[in-house]
Amino acid sequence: MIRTTRGLAFCLVIGMTATGGSQPVSAANIARACLASDRSPGAEVCACAQSVANQVLTRSDQNKAVKIIAEPDKFIDYKYSKSANAKAFLERYKVWGEMASKICGT
């Protein structure tokens, strides 16, 4: 369980390395990026995180989240941005991470 918790935390907060970061994003974008990570918490948790994302994040937010997963340094760009839109996105991203952690049982 500790490995799963660390894996999901890495997935949701810090980001992951995913293959094909420049590919178009589709319906299960977050789940695929999560599964592609070398620190993936597993298919069940990744699918659960995607399900929560579908409830909490807009399609645009999910696209941004996948970019963070592909290039974790992008998180810093949002974090230090003075843009109200970036700050609002990070708040939704945080809510998603907290909800996924609770719902997905990690």
Protein backbone atom coordinates (compact mmCIF):
# COMPACT_ATOMS: atom_id res chain seq x y z
CA MET A 1 0.00 0.00 0.00
CA ILE A 2 2.87 2.40 0.70
CA ARG A 3 4.18 1.93 -2.85
CA THR A 4 0.72 2.69 -4.26
CA THR A 5 0.35 5.80 -2.12
CA ARG A 6 3.73 7.12 -3.16
CA GLY A 7 3.02 6.29 -6.78
CA LEU A 8 -0.31 8.12 -6.80
CA ALA A 9 1.13 11.09 -4.94
CA PHE A 10 3.91 11.28 -7.51
CA CYS A 11 1.32 11.01 -10.29
CA LEU A 12 -0.96 13.70 -8.94
CA VAL A 13 1.33 16.28 -7.42
CA ILE A 14 4.77 16.14 -8.91
CA GLY A 15 4.02 14.70 -12.33
CA MET A 16 5.34 11.73 -14.24
CA THR A 17 7.38 10.95 -17.28
CA ALA A 18 5.07 9.76 -20.04
CA THR A 19 5.80 8.71 -23.56
CA GLY A 20 4.31 10.73 -26.37
CA GLY A 21 3.80 13.96 -24.45
CA SER A 22 3.16 15.87 -27.65
CA GLN A 23 0.41 13.54 -28.87
CA PRO A 24 -3.18 14.77 -28.99
CA VAL A 25 -5.08 14.21 -25.76
CA SER A 26 -8.07 11.87 -25.72
CA ALA A 27 -10.69 10.71 -23.24
CA ALA A 28 -8.42 8.56 -21.05
CA ASN A 29 -5.41 10.85 -21.30
CA ILE A 30 -4.56 10.97 -17.61
CA ALA A 31 -4.95 7.23 -17.14
CA ARG A 32 -2.61 6.51 -20.04
CA ALA A 33 0.00 8.96 -18.78
CA CYS A 34 -0.30 7.46 -15.30
CA LEU A 35 0.16 3.94 -16.66
CA ALA A 36 3.15 4.99 -18.78
CA SER A 37 5.01 6.23 -15.73
CA ASP A 38 7.81 4.10 -14.36
CA ARG A 39 6.31 4.89 -10.94
CA SER A 40 2.77 3.98 -11.96
CA PRO A 41 0.54 2.93 -9.07
CA GLY A 42 -1.17 0.41 -11.38
CA ALA A 43 -4.08 0.17 -13.78
CA GLU A 44 -6.82 0.25 -11.15
CA VAL A 45 -5.54 3.41 -9.44
CA CYS A 46 -4.81 5.13 -12.77
CA ALA A 47 -8.33 4.36 -14.02
CA CYS A 48 -9.77 5.66 -10.76
CA ALA A 49 -7.71 8.87 -11.01
CA GLN A 50 -9.03 9.32 -14.56
CA SER A 51 -12.60 8.84 -13.35
CA VAL A 52 -12.13 11.52 -10.71
CA ALA A 53 -10.51 13.81 -13.29
CA ASN A 54 -13.55 13.39 -15.52
CA GLN A 55 -15.70 14.68 -12.66
CA VAL A 56 -13.45 17.49 -11.43
CA LEU A 57 -11.32 18.73 -14.33
CA THR A 58 -12.45 20.23 -17.60
CA ARG A 59 -11.07 18.83 -20.85
CA SER A 60 -8.69 21.80 -20.96
CA ASP A 61 -7.56 21.12 -17.38
CA GLN A 62 -6.92 17.49 -18.26
CA ASN A 63 -4.80 18.59 -21.22
CA LYS A 64 -2.76 20.78 -18.87
CA ALA A 65 -2.43 17.96 -16.35
CA VAL A 66 -1.12 15.61 -19.04
CA LYS A 67 1.46 18.23 -20.03
CA ILE A 68 2.59 18.39 -16.40
CA ILE A 69 2.78 14.61 -16.32
CA ALA A 70 4.88 14.59 -19.49
CA GLU A 71 7.08 17.49 -18.37
CA PRO A 72 7.00 17.93 -14.57
CA ASP A 73 8.79 21.29 -14.83
CA LYS A 74 5.59 22.72 -16.32
CA PHE A 75 4.06 22.51 -12.83
CA ILE A 76 6.51 25.19 -11.72
CA ASP A 77 5.41 27.40 -14.62
CA TYR A 78 1.82 27.25 -13.37
CA LYS A 79 2.82 27.59 -9.73
CA TYR A 80 4.75 30.81 -10.26
CA SER A 81 2.51 32.27 -12.92
CA LYS A 82 0.78 35.54 -12.11
CA SER A 83 -2.12 34.55 -14.32
CA ALA A 84 -5.46 34.17 -12.57
CA ASN A 85 -6.26 31.32 -14.97
CA ALA A 86 -3.11 29.43 -13.97
CA LYS A 87 -3.87 29.87 -10.28
CA ALA A 88 -7.45 28.69 -10.79
CA PHE A 89 -6.21 25.64 -12.70
CA LEU A 90 -3.78 24.74 -9.91
CA GLU A 91 -6.58 24.97 -7.37
CA ARG A 92 -8.69 22.54 -9.43
CA TYR A 93 -5.61 20.33 -9.92
CA LYS A 94 -5.10 20.24 -6.16
CA VAL A 95 -8.77 19.36 -5.55
CA TRP A 96 -8.47 16.57 -8.11
CA GLY A 97 -5.39 15.18 -6.39
CA GLU A 98 -7.00 15.26 -2.96
CA MET A 99 -10.23 13.66 -4.20
CA ALA A 100 -8.39 10.98 -6.15
CA SER A 101 -6.29 10.12 -3.11
CA LYS A 102 -9.42 9.65 -0.98
CA ILE A 103 -11.62 7.93 -3.56
CA CYS A 104 -8.98 5.69 -5.07
CA GLY A 105 -8.06 4.28 -1.69
CA THR A 106 -4.44 5.30 -1.43
